[in-house]
Amino acid sequence: ESVELVGEGEGIPMEVVVVEELGSDAFAYGNLHVDGAAQTADSMVIA
């Protein structure tokens, strides 16, 4: 909950892998994107 979505070039790029919709909340899970390629990690980033 400490992140906000911003325009291209203004923040950390993340490729969305799955979205959990919980009614009042929604969480996007994804991989960071660096130099045009997704960076796989031990765990995905959650926003």
ModelCIF file with pLDDT and N, C-alpha, C, O atoms, coordinates in Angstrom:
data_MODEL
#
_entry.id   MODEL 
#
_entity.id                         1 
_entity.type                       polymer 
_entity.pdbx_number_of_molecules   1 
#
_entity_poly.entity_id                      1 
_entity_poly.type                           'polypeptide(L)' 
_entity_poly.nstd_linkage                   no 
_entity_poly.nstd_monomer                   no 
_entity_poly.pdbx_seq_one_letter_code       ESVELVGEGEGIPMEVVVVEELGSDAFAYGNLHVDGAAQTADSMVIA 
_entity_poly.pdbx_seq_one_letter_code_can   ESVELVGEGEGIPMEVVVVEELGSDAFAYGNLHVDGAAQTADSMVIA 
_entity_poly.pdbx_strand_id                 A 
#
loop_
_entity_poly_seq.entity_id 
_entity_poly_seq.num 
_entity_poly_seq.mon_id 
_entity_poly_seq.hetero 
1 1  GLU n 
1 2  SER n 
1 3  VAL n 
1 4  GLU n 
1 5  LEU n 
1 6  VAL n 
1 7  GLY n 
1 8  GLU n 
1 9  GLY n 
1 10 GLU n 
1 11 GLY n 
1 12 ILE n 
1 13 PRO n 
1 14 MET n 
1 15 GLU n 
1 16 VAL n 
1 17 VAL n 
1 18 VAL n 
1 19 VAL n 
1 20 GLU n 
1 21 GLU n 
1 22 LEU n 
1 23 GLY n 
1 24 SER n 
1 25 ASP n 
1 26 ALA n 
1 27 PHE n 
1 28 ALA n 
1 29 TYR n 
1 30 GLY n 
1 31 ASN n 
1 32 LEU n 
1 33 HIS n 
1 34 VAL n 
1 35 ASP n 
1 36 GLY n 
1 37 ALA n 
1 38 ALA n 
1 39 GLN n 
1 40 THR n 
1 41 ALA n 
1 42 ASP n 
1 43 SER n 
1 44 MET n 
1 45 VAL n 
1 46 ILE n 
1 47 ALA n 
#
_struct_asym.id          A 
_struct_asym.entity_id   1 
#
loop_
_ma_qa_metric.id 
_ma_qa_metric.mode 
_ma_qa_metric.name 
_ma_qa_metric.software_group_id 
_ma_qa_metric.type 
1 global pLDDT . pLDDT 
2 local  pLDDT . pLDDT 
#
_ma_qa_metric_global.metric_id      1 
_ma_qa_metric_global.metric_value   84.51 
_ma_qa_metric_global.model_id       1 
_ma_qa_metric_global.ordinal_id     1 
#
loop_
_ma_qa_metric_local.label_asym_id 
_ma_qa_metric_local.label_comp_id 
_ma_qa_metric_local.label_seq_id 
_ma_qa_metric_local.metric_id 
_ma_qa_metric_local.metric_value 
_ma_qa_metric_local.model_id 
_ma_qa_metric_local.ordinal_id 
A GLU 1  2 95.00 1 1  
A SER 2  2 95.00 1 2  
A VAL 3  2 95.00 1 3  
A GLU 4  2 94.00 1 4  
A LEU 5  2 94.00 1 5  
A VAL 6  2 92.00 1 6  
A GLY 7  2 91.00 1 7  
A GLU 8  2 88.00 1 8  
A GLY 9  2 84.00 1 9  
A GLU 10 2 89.00 1 10 
A GLY 11 2 91.00 1 11 
A ILE 12 2 92.00 1 12 
A PRO 13 2 92.00 1 13 
A MET 14 2 93.00 1 14 
A GLU 15 2 93.00 1 15 
A VAL 16 2 95.00 1 16 
A VAL 17 2 94.00 1 17 
A VAL 18 2 95.00 1 18 
A VAL 19 2 96.00 1 19 
A GLU 20 2 95.00 1 20 
A GLU 21 2 94.00 1 21 
A LEU 22 2 91.00 1 22 
A GLY 23 2 89.00 1 23 
A SER 24 2 91.00 1 24 
A ASP 25 2 93.00 1 25 
A ALA 26 2 95.00 1 26 
A PHE 27 2 96.00 1 27 
A ALA 28 2 96.00 1 28 
A TYR 29 2 96.00 1 29 
A GLY 30 2 95.00 1 30 
A ASN 31 2 93.00 1 31 
A LEU 32 2 90.00 1 32 
A HIS 33 2 75.00 1 33 
A VAL 34 2 68.00 1 34 
A ASP 35 2 54.00 1 35 
A GLY 36 2 49.00 1 36 
A ALA 37 2 49.00 1 37 
A ALA 38 2 51.00 1 38 
A GLN 39 2 55.00 1 39 
A THR 40 2 54.00 1 40 
A ALA 41 2 52.00 1 41 
A ASP 42 2 54.00 1 42 
A SER 43 2 65.00 1 43 
A MET 44 2 88.00 1 44 
A VAL 45 2 94.00 1 45 
A ILE 46 2 96.00 1 46 
A ALA 47 2 96.00 1 47 
#
loop_
_atom_site.group_PDB 
_atom_site.id 
_atom_site.type_symbol 
_atom_site.label_atom_id 
_atom_site.label_alt_id 
_atom_site.label_comp_id 
_atom_site.label_asym_id 
_atom_site.label_entity_id 
_atom_site.label_seq_id 
_atom_site.pdbx_PDB_ins_code 
_atom_site.Cartn_x 
_atom_site.Cartn_y 
_atom_site.Cartn_z 
_atom_site.occupancy 
_atom_site.B_iso_or_equiv 
_atom_site.pdbx_formal_charge 
_atom_site.auth_seq_id 
_atom_site.auth_comp_id 
_atom_site.auth_asym_id 
_atom_site.auth_atom_id 
_atom_site.pdbx_PDB_model_num 
ATOM 1   N N  . GLU A 1 1  ? 0.808   -1.221  0.000   1.00 95.00 ? 1  GLU A N  1 
ATOM 2   C CA . GLU A 1 1  ? 0.000   0.000   0.000   1.00 95.00 ? 1  GLU A CA 1 
ATOM 3   C C  . GLU A 1 1  ? 0.842   1.271   0.000   1.00 95.00 ? 1  GLU A C  1 
ATOM 4   O O  . GLU A 1 1  ? 0.298   2.375   -0.005  1.00 95.00 ? 1  GLU A O  1 
ATOM 5   N N  . SER A 1 2  ? 2.178   1.122   0.006   1.00 95.00 ? 2  SER A N  1 
ATOM 6   C CA . SER A 1 2  ? 3.060   2.290   0.018   1.00 95.00 ? 2  SER A CA 1 
ATOM 7   C C  . SER A 1 2  ? 3.454   2.757   -1.375  1.00 95.00 ? 2  SER A C  1 
ATOM 8   O O  . SER A 1 2  ? 4.279   3.660   -1.518  1.00 95.00 ? 2  SER A O  1 
ATOM 9   N N  . VAL A 1 3  ? 2.868   2.145   -2.406  1.00 95.00 ? 3  VAL A N  1 
ATOM 10  C CA . VAL A 1 3  ? 3.195   2.549   -3.777  1.00 95.00 ? 3  VAL A CA 1 
ATOM 11  C C  . VAL A 1 3  ? 1.974   3.145   -4.446  1.00 95.00 ? 3  VAL A C  1 
ATOM 12  O O  . VAL A 1 3  ? 0.837   2.879   -4.054  1.00 95.00 ? 3  VAL A O  1 
ATOM 13  N N  . GLU A 1 4  ? 2.226   3.957   -5.464  1.00 94.00 ? 4  GLU A N  1 
ATOM 14  C CA . GLU A 1 4  ? 1.167   4.512   -6.295  1.00 94.00 ? 4  GLU A CA 1 
ATOM 15  C C  . GLU A 1 4  ? 1.559   4.337   -7.750  1.00 94.00 ? 4  GLU A C  1 
ATOM 16  O O  . GLU A 1 4  ? 2.743   4.342   -8.085  1.00 94.00 ? 4  GLU A O  1 
ATOM 17  N N  . LEU A 1 5  ? 0.566   4.182   -8.614  1.00 94.00 ? 5  LEU A N  1 
ATOM 18  C CA . LEU A 1 5  ? 0.833   4.044   -10.044 1.00 94.00 ? 5  LEU A CA 1 
ATOM 19  C C  . LEU A 1 5  ? 1.090   5.423   -10.647 1.00 94.00 ? 5  LEU A C  1 
ATOM 20  O O  . LEU A 1 5  ? 0.348   6.373   -10.397 1.00 94.00 ? 5  LEU A O  1 
ATOM 21  N N  . VAL A 1 6  ? 2.146   5.515   -11.441 1.00 92.00 ? 6  VAL A N  1 
ATOM 22  C CA . VAL A 1 6  ? 2.539   6.779   -12.075 1.00 92.00 ? 6  VAL A CA 1 
ATOM 23  C C  . VAL A 1 6  ? 2.772   6.521   -13.564 1.00 92.00 ? 6  VAL A C  1 
ATOM 24  O O  . VAL A 1 6  ? 2.652   5.392   -14.038 1.00 92.00 ? 6  VAL A O  1 
ATOM 25  N N  . GLY A 1 7  ? 3.106   7.582   -14.287 1.00 91.00 ? 7  GLY A N  1 
ATOM 26  C CA . GLY A 1 7  ? 3.312   7.475   -15.730 1.00 91.00 ? 7  GLY A CA 1 
ATOM 27  C C  . GLY A 1 7  ? 4.641   6.828   -16.082 1.00 91.00 ? 7  GLY A C  1 
ATOM 28  O O  . GLY A 1 7  ? 5.522   6.681   -15.235 1.00 91.00 ? 7  GLY A O  1 
ATOM 29  N N  . GLU A 1 8  ? 4.772   6.446   -17.344 1.00 88.00 ? 8  GLU A N  1 
ATOM 30  C CA . GLU A 1 8  ? 5.998   5.810   -17.823 1.00 88.00 ? 8  GLU A CA 1 
ATOM 31  C C  . GLU A 1 8  ? 7.200   6.725   -17.588 1.00 88.00 ? 8  GLU A C  1 
ATOM 32  O O  . GLU A 1 8  ? 7.143   7.922   -17.869 1.00 88.00 ? 8  GLU A O  1 
ATOM 33  N N  . GLY A 1 9  ? 8.280   6.155   -17.075 1.00 84.00 ? 9  GLY A N  1 
ATOM 34  C CA . GLY A 1 9  ? 9.484   6.921   -16.808 1.00 84.00 ? 9  GLY A CA 1 
ATOM 35  C C  . GLY A 1 9  ? 9.504   7.595   -15.450 1.00 84.00 ? 9  GLY A C  1 
ATOM 36  O O  . GLY A 1 9  ? 10.524  8.156   -15.050 1.00 84.00 ? 9  GLY A O  1 
ATOM 37  N N  . GLU A 1 10 ? 8.375   7.547   -14.727 1.00 89.00 ? 10 GLU A N  1 
ATOM 38  C CA . GLU A 1 10 ? 8.292   8.229   -13.431 1.00 89.00 ? 10 GLU A CA 1 
ATOM 39  C C  . GLU A 1 10 ? 8.457   7.286   -12.256 1.00 89.00 ? 10 GLU A C  1 
ATOM 40  O O  . GLU A 1 10 ? 8.563   7.736   -11.115 1.00 89.00 ? 10 GLU A O  1 
ATOM 41  N N  . GLY A 1 11 ? 8.482   5.985   -12.510 1.00 91.00 ? 11 GLY A N  1 
ATOM 42  C CA . GLY A 1 11 ? 8.563   5.043   -11.397 1.00 91.00 ? 11 GLY A CA 1 
ATOM 43  C C  . GLY A 1 11 ? 9.165   3.718   -11.812 1.00 91.00 ? 11 GLY A C  1 
ATOM 44  O O  . GLY A 1 11 ? 9.689   3.574   -12.917 1.00 91.00 ? 11 GLY A O  1 
ATOM 45  N N  . ILE A 1 12 ? 9.086   2.761   -10.919 1.00 92.00 ? 12 ILE A N  1 
ATOM 46  C CA . ILE A 1 12 ? 9.674   1.438   -11.115 1.00 92.00 ? 12 ILE A CA 1 
ATOM 47  C C  . ILE A 1 12 ? 8.769   0.627   -12.055 1.00 92.00 ? 12 ILE A C  1 
ATOM 48  O O  . ILE A 1 12 ? 7.598   0.416   -11.737 1.00 92.00 ? 12 ILE A O  1 
ATOM 49  N N  . PRO A 1 13 ? 9.284   0.172   -13.198 1.00 92.00 ? 13 PRO A N  1 
ATOM 50  C CA . PRO A 1 13 ? 8.434   -0.611  -14.111 1.00 92.00 ? 13 PRO A CA 1 
ATOM 51  C C  . PRO A 1 13 ? 8.216   -2.037  -13.601 1.00 92.00 ? 13 PRO A C  1 
ATOM 52  O O  . PRO A 1 13 ? 9.153   -2.701  -13.158 1.00 92.00 ? 13 PRO A O  1 
ATOM 53  N N  . MET A 1 14 ? 6.962   -2.495  -13.674 1.00 93.00 ? 14 MET A N  1 
ATOM 54  C CA . MET A 1 14 ? 6.617   -3.844  -13.240 1.00 93.00 ? 14 MET A CA 1 
ATOM 55  C C  . MET A 1 14 ? 5.657   -4.468  -14.238 1.00 93.00 ? 14 MET A C  1 
ATOM 56  O O  . MET A 1 14 ? 4.647   -3.866  -14.601 1.00 93.00 ? 14 MET A O  1 
ATOM 57  N N  . GLU A 1 15 ? 5.979   -5.679  -14.679 1.00 93.00 ? 15 GLU A N  1 
ATOM 58  C CA . GLU A 1 15 ? 5.082   -6.418  -15.562 1.00 93.00 ? 15 GLU A CA 1 
ATOM 59  C C  . GLU A 1 15 ? 4.128   -7.255  -14.721 1.00 93.00 ? 15 GLU A C  1 
ATOM 60  O O  . GLU A 1 15 ? 4.560   -8.108  -13.946 1.00 93.00 ? 15 GLU A O  1 
ATOM 61  N N  . VAL A 1 16 ? 2.834   -7.010  -14.874 1.00 95.00 ? 16 VAL A N  1 
ATOM 62  C CA . VAL A 1 16 ? 1.822   -7.676  -14.054 1.00 95.00 ? 16 VAL A CA 1 
ATOM 63  C C  . VAL A 1 16 ? 1.681   -9.135  -14.472 1.00 95.00 ? 16 VAL A C  1 
ATOM 64  O O  . VAL A 1 16 ? 1.509   -9.446  -15.651 1.00 95.00 ? 16 VAL A O  1 
ATOM 65  N N  . VAL A 1 17 ? 1.758   -10.023 -13.482 1.00 94.00 ? 17 VAL A N  1 
ATOM 66  C CA . VAL A 1 17 ? 1.617   -11.458 -13.723 1.00 94.00 ? 17 VAL A CA 1 
ATOM 67  C C  . VAL A 1 17 ? 0.218   -11.939 -13.335 1.00 94.00 ? 17 VAL A C  1 
ATOM 68  O O  . VAL A 1 17 ? -0.393  -12.735 -14.049 1.00 94.00 ? 17 VAL A O  1 
ATOM 69  N N  . VAL A 1 18 ? -0.277  -11.455 -12.212 1.00 95.00 ? 18 VAL A N  1 
ATOM 70  C CA . VAL A 1 18 ? -1.618  -11.838 -11.761 1.00 95.00 ? 18 VAL A CA 1 
ATOM 71  C C  . VAL A 1 18 ? -2.195  -10.712 -10.914 1.00 95.00 ? 18 VAL A C  1 
ATOM 72  O O  . VAL A 1 18 ? -1.452  -9.957  -10.287 1.00 95.00 ? 18 VAL A O  1 
ATOM 73  N N  . VAL A 1 19 ? -3.515  -10.601 -10.896 1.00 96.00 ? 19 VAL A N  1 
ATOM 74  C CA . VAL A 1 19 ? -4.203  -9.611  -10.068 1.00 96.00 ? 19 VAL A CA 1 
ATOM 75  C C  . VAL A 1 19 ? -5.187  -10.342 -9.157  1.00 96.00 ? 19 VAL A C  1 
ATOM 76  O O  . VAL A 1 19 ? -6.016  -11.128 -9.616  1.00 96.00 ? 19 VAL A O  1 
ATOM 77  N N  . GLU A 1 20 ? -5.077  -10.066 -7.857  1.00 95.00 ? 20 GLU A N  1 
ATOM 78  C CA . GLU A 1 20 ? -6.032  -10.597 -6.890  1.00 95.00 ? 20 GLU A CA 1 
ATOM 79  C C  . GLU A 1 20 ? -7.083  -9.528  -6.626  1.00 95.00 ? 20 GLU A C  1 
ATOM 80  O O  . GLU A 1 20 ? -6.764  -8.456  -6.111  1.00 95.00 ? 20 GLU A O  1 
ATOM 81  N N  . GLU A 1 21 ? -8.336  -9.814  -6.975  1.00 94.00 ? 21 GLU A N  1 
ATOM 82  C CA . GLU A 1 21 ? -9.429  -8.870  -6.713  1.00 94.00 ? 21 GLU A CA 1 
ATOM 83  C C  . GLU A 1 21 ? -10.212 -9.370  -5.508  1.00 94.00 ? 21 GLU A C  1 
ATOM 84  O O  . GLU A 1 21 ? -10.779 -10.463 -5.526  1.00 94.00 ? 21 GLU A O  1 
ATOM 85  N N  . LEU A 1 22 ? -10.234 -8.545  -4.453  1.00 91.00 ? 22 LEU A N  1 
ATOM 86  C CA . LEU A 1 22 ? -10.839 -8.938  -3.186  1.00 91.00 ? 22 LEU A CA 1 
ATOM 87  C C  . LEU A 1 22 ? -12.084 -8.126  -2.862  1.00 91.00 ? 22 LEU A C  1 
ATOM 88  O O  . LEU A 1 22 ? -12.526 -8.100  -1.714  1.00 91.00 ? 22 LEU A O  1 
ATOM 89  N N  . GLY A 1 23 ? -12.649 -7.469  -3.855  1.00 89.00 ? 23 GLY A N  1 
ATOM 90  C CA . GLY A 1 23 ? -13.826 -6.639  -3.614  1.00 89.00 ? 23 GLY A CA 1 
ATOM 91  C C  . GLY A 1 23 ? -13.430 -5.222  -3.262  1.00 89.00 ? 23 GLY A C  1 
ATOM 92  O O  . GLY A 1 23 ? -13.374 -4.355  -4.134  1.00 89.00 ? 23 GLY A O  1 
ATOM 93  N N  . SER A 1 24 ? -13.154 -4.976  -1.985  1.00 91.00 ? 24 SER A N  1 
ATOM 94  C CA . SER A 1 24 ? -12.775 -3.623  -1.560  1.00 91.00 ? 24 SER A CA 1 
ATOM 95  C C  . SER A 1 24 ? -11.323 -3.313  -1.888  1.00 91.00 ? 24 SER A C  1 
ATOM 96  O O  . SER A 1 24 ? -10.931 -2.146  -1.901  1.00 91.00 ? 24 SER A O  1 
ATOM 97  N N  . ASP A 1 25 ? -10.514 -4.341  -2.156  1.00 93.00 ? 25 ASP A N  1 
ATOM 98  C CA . ASP A 1 25 ? -9.093  -4.179  -2.440  1.00 93.00 ? 25 ASP A CA 1 
ATOM 99  C C  . ASP A 1 25 ? -8.717  -4.992  -3.667  1.00 93.00 ? 25 ASP A C  1 
ATOM 100 O O  . ASP A 1 25 ? -9.416  -5.929  -4.054  1.00 93.00 ? 25 ASP A O  1 
ATOM 101 N N  . ALA A 1 26 ? -7.604  -4.615  -4.267  1.00 95.00 ? 26 ALA A N  1 
ATOM 102 C CA . ALA A 1 26 ? -7.024  -5.410  -5.345  1.00 95.00 ? 26 ALA A CA 1 
ATOM 103 C C  . ALA A 1 26 ? -5.513  -5.305  -5.244  1.00 95.00 ? 26 ALA A C  1 
ATOM 104 O O  . ALA A 1 26 ? -4.979  -4.241  -4.934  1.00 95.00 ? 26 ALA A O  1 
ATOM 105 N N  . PHE A 1 27 ? -4.823  -6.409  -5.506  1.00 96.00 ? 27 PHE A N  1 
ATOM 106 C CA . PHE A 1 27 ? -3.364  -6.443  -5.440  1.00 96.00 ? 27 PHE A CA 1 
ATOM 107 C C  . PHE A 1 27 ? -2.812  -7.004  -6.748  1.00 96.00 ? 27 PHE A C  1 
ATOM 108 O O  . PHE A 1 27 ? -3.244  -8.053  -7.224  1.00 96.00 ? 27 PHE A O  1 
ATOM 109 N N  . ALA A 1 28 ? -1.855  -6.286  -7.311  1.00 96.00 ? 28 ALA A N  1 
ATOM 110 C CA . ALA A 1 28 ? -1.179  -6.724  -8.526  1.00 96.00 ? 28 ALA A CA 1 
ATOM 111 C C  . ALA A 1 28 ? 0.162   -7.341  -8.150  1.00 96.00 ? 28 ALA A C  1 
ATOM 112 O O  . ALA A 1 28 ? 0.945   -6.739  -7.416  1.00 96.00 ? 28 ALA A O  1 
ATOM 113 N N  . TYR A 1 29 ? 0.423   -8.547  -8.655  1.00 96.00 ? 29 TYR A N  1 
ATOM 114 C CA . TYR A 1 29 ? 1.686   -9.241  -8.442  1.00 96.00 ? 29 TYR A CA 1 
ATOM 115 C C  . TYR A 1 29 ? 2.435   -9.223  -9.770  1.00 96.00 ? 29 TYR A C  1 
ATOM 116 O O  . TYR A 1 29 ? 1.862   -9.525  -10.816 1.00 96.00 ? 29 TYR A O  1 
ATOM 117 N N  . GLY A 1 30 ? 3.718   -8.868  -9.722  1.00 95.00 ? 30 GLY A N  1 
ATOM 118 C CA . GLY A 1 30 ? 4.457   -8.816  -10.977 1.00 95.00 ? 30 GLY A CA 1 
ATOM 119 C C  . GLY A 1 30 ? 5.954   -8.858  -10.795 1.00 95.00 ? 30 GLY A C  1 
ATOM 120 O O  . GLY A 1 30 ? 6.463   -8.877  -9.674  1.00 95.00 ? 30 GLY A O  1 
ATOM 121 N N  . ASN A 1 31 ? 6.652   -8.872  -11.914 1.00 93.00 ? 31 ASN A N  1 
ATOM 122 C CA . ASN A 1 31 ? 8.117   -8.869  -11.940 1.00 93.00 ? 31 ASN A CA 1 
ATOM 123 C C  . ASN A 1 31 ? 8.621   -7.505  -12.363 1.00 93.00 ? 31 ASN A C  1 
ATOM 124 O O  . ASN A 1 31 ? 8.043   -6.861  -13.239 1.00 93.00 ? 31 ASN A O  1 
ATOM 125 N N  . LEU A 1 32 ? 9.708   -7.065  -11.734 1.00 90.00 ? 32 LEU A N  1 
ATOM 126 C CA . LEU A 1 32 ? 10.312  -5.799  -12.131 1.00 90.00 ? 32 LEU A CA 1 
ATOM 127 C C  . LEU A 1 32 ? 10.817  -5.904  -13.560 1.00 90.00 ? 32 LEU A C  1 
ATOM 128 O O  . LEU A 1 32 ? 11.234  -6.973  -14.007 1.00 90.00 ? 32 LEU A O  1 
ATOM 129 N N  . HIS A 1 33 ? 10.774  -4.782  -14.273 1.00 75.00 ? 33 HIS A N  1 
ATOM 130 C CA . HIS A 1 33 ? 11.126  -4.740  -15.692 1.00 75.00 ? 33 HIS A CA 1 
ATOM 131 C C  . HIS A 1 33 ? 12.315  -3.795  -15.855 1.00 75.00 ? 33 HIS A C  1 
ATOM 132 O O  . HIS A 1 33 ? 12.194  -2.601  -15.579 1.00 75.00 ? 33 HIS A O  1 
ATOM 133 N N  . VAL A 1 34 ? 13.435  -4.302  -16.290 1.00 68.00 ? 34 VAL A N  1 
ATOM 134 C CA . VAL A 1 34 ? 14.640  -3.486  -16.457 1.00 68.00 ? 34 VAL A CA 1 
ATOM 135 C C  . VAL A 1 34 ? 15.173  -3.660  -17.876 1.00 68.00 ? 34 VAL A C  1 
ATOM 136 O O  . VAL A 1 34 ? 15.360  -4.782  -18.347 1.00 68.00 ? 34 VAL A O  1 
ATOM 137 N N  . ASP A 1 35 ? 15.413  -2.545  -18.546 1.00 54.00 ? 35 ASP A N  1 
ATOM 138 C CA . ASP A 1 35 ? 15.948  -2.551  -19.919 1.00 54.00 ? 35 ASP A CA 1 
ATOM 139 C C  . ASP A 1 35 ? 15.103  -3.420  -20.834 1.00 54.00 ? 35 ASP A C  1 
ATOM 140 O O  . ASP A 1 35 ? 15.624  -4.177  -21.653 1.00 54.00 ? 35 ASP A O  1 
ATOM 141 N N  . GLY A 1 36 ? 13.777  -3.298  -20.679 1.00 49.00 ? 36 GLY A N  1 
ATOM 142 C CA . GLY A 1 36 ? 12.874  -3.988  -21.590 1.00 49.00 ? 36 GLY A CA 1 
ATOM 143 C C  . GLY A 1 36 ? 12.648  -5.451  -21.291 1.00 49.00 ? 36 GLY A C  1 
ATOM 144 O O  . GLY A 1 36 ? 11.929  -6.117  -22.036 1.00 49.00 ? 36 GLY A O  1 
ATOM 145 N N  . ALA A 1 37 ? 13.241  -5.984  -20.216 1.00 49.00 ? 37 ALA A N  1 
ATOM 146 C CA . ALA A 1 37 ? 13.084  -7.401  -19.904 1.00 49.00 ? 37 ALA A CA 1 
ATOM 147 C C  . ALA A 1 37 ? 12.645  -7.573  -18.457 1.00 49.00 ? 37 ALA A C  1 
ATOM 148 O O  . ALA A 1 37 ? 13.079  -6.833  -17.573 1.00 49.00 ? 37 ALA A O  1 
ATOM 149 N N  . ALA A 1 38 ? 11.785  -8.551  -18.224 1.00 51.00 ? 38 ALA A N  1 
ATOM 150 C CA . ALA A 1 38 ? 11.329  -8.837  -16.857 1.00 51.00 ? 38 ALA A CA 1 
ATOM 151 C C  . ALA A 1 38 ? 12.448  -9.507  -16.085 1.00 51.00 ? 38 ALA A C  1 
ATOM 152 O O  . ALA A 1 38 ? 13.116  -10.413 -16.584 1.00 51.00 ? 38 ALA A O  1 
ATOM 153 N N  . GLN A 1 39 ? 12.642  -9.040  -14.846 1.00 55.00 ? 39 GLN A N  1 
ATOM 154 C CA . GLN A 1 39 ? 13.670  -9.619  -13.978 1.00 55.00 ? 39 GLN A CA 1 
ATOM 155 C C  . GLN A 1 39 ? 13.009  -10.590 -13.010 1.00 55.00 ? 39 GLN A C  1 
ATOM 156 O O  . GLN A 1 39 ? 12.318  -10.167 -12.083 1.00 55.00 ? 39 GLN A O  1 
ATOM 157 N N  . THR A 1 40 ? 13.214  -11.875 -13.215 1.00 54.00 ? 40 THR A N  1 
ATOM 158 C CA . THR A 1 40 ? 12.634  -12.846 -12.295 1.00 54.00 ? 40 THR A CA 1 
ATOM 159 C C  . THR A 1 40 ? 13.396  -12.797 -10.978 1.00 54.00 ? 40 THR A C  1 
ATOM 160 O O  . THR A 1 40 ? 14.616  -12.638 -10.954 1.00 54.00 ? 40 THR A O  1 
ATOM 161 N N  . ALA A 1 41 ? 12.662  -12.936 -9.898  1.00 52.00 ? 41 ALA A N  1 
ATOM 162 C CA . ALA A 1 41 ? 13.265  -12.895 -8.564  1.00 52.00 ? 41 ALA A CA 1 
ATOM 163 C C  . ALA A 1 41 ? 12.675  -14.030 -7.734  1.00 52.00 ? 41 ALA A C  1 
ATOM 164 O O  . ALA A 1 41 ? 11.794  -14.759 -8.191  1.00 52.00 ? 41 ALA A O  1 
ATOM 165 N N  . ASP A 1 42 ? 13.178  -14.166 -6.502  1.00 54.00 ? 42 ASP A N  1 
ATOM 166 C CA . ASP A 1 42 ? 12.663  -15.219 -5.624  1.00 54.00 ? 42 ASP A CA 1 
ATOM 167 C C  . ASP A 1 42 ? 11.180  -15.031 -5.341  1.00 54.00 ? 42 ASP A C  1 
ATOM 168 O O  . ASP A 1 42 ? 10.443  -16.003 -5.177  1.00 54.00 ? 42 ASP A O  1 
ATOM 169 N N  . SER A 1 43 ? 10.752  -13.792 -5.285  1.00 65.00 ? 43 SER A N  1 
ATOM 170 C CA . SER A 1 43 ? 9.335   -13.510 -5.062  1.00 65.00 ? 43 SER A CA 1 
ATOM 171 C C  . SER A 1 43 ? 8.933   -12.295 -5.883  1.00 65.00 ? 43 SER A C  1 
ATOM 172 O O  . SER A 1 43 ? 9.751   -11.426 -6.183  1.00 65.00 ? 43 SER A O  1 
ATOM 173 N N  . MET A 1 44 ? 7.657   -12.255 -6.239  1.00 88.00 ? 44 MET A N  1 
ATOM 174 C CA . MET A 1 44 ? 7.165   -11.142 -7.047  1.00 88.00 ? 44 MET A CA 1 
ATOM 175 C C  . MET A 1 44 ? 6.914   -9.910  -6.192  1.00 88.00 ? 44 MET A C  1 
ATOM 176 O O  . MET A 1 44 ? 6.715   -10.005 -4.981  1.00 88.00 ? 44 MET A O  1 
ATOM 177 N N  . VAL A 1 45 ? 6.927   -8.761  -6.840  1.00 94.00 ? 45 VAL A N  1 
ATOM 178 C CA . VAL A 1 45 ? 6.578   -7.503  -6.187  1.00 94.00 ? 45 VAL A CA 1 
ATOM 179 C C  . VAL A 1 45 ? 5.054   -7.417  -6.124  1.00 94.00 ? 45 VAL A C  1 
ATOM 180 O O  . VAL A 1 45 ? 4.355   -7.795  -7.064  1.00 94.00 ? 45 VAL A O  1 
ATOM 181 N N  . ILE A 1 46 ? 4.554   -6.909  -4.989  1.00 96.00 ? 46 ILE A N  1 
ATOM 182 C CA . ILE A 1 46 ? 3.105   -6.783  -4.784  1.00 96.00 ? 46 ILE A CA 1 
ATOM 183 C C  . ILE A 1 46 ? 2.768   -5.307  -4.619  1.00 96.00 ? 46 ILE A C  1 
ATOM 184 O O  . ILE A 1 46 ? 3.433   -4.589  -3.872  1.00 96.00 ? 46 ILE A O  1 
ATOM 185 N N  . ALA A 1 47 ? 1.732   -4.858  -5.320  1.00 96.00 ? 47 ALA A N  1 
ATOM 186 C CA . ALA A 1 47 ? 1.290   -3.477  -5.212  1.00 96.00 ? 47 ALA A CA 1 
ATOM 187 C C  . ALA A 1 47 ? -0.219  -3.431  -5.048  1.00 96.00 ? 47 ALA A C  1 
ATOM 188 O O  . ALA A 1 47 ? -0.796  -2.349  -4.939  1.00 96.00 ? 47 ALA A O  1 
#
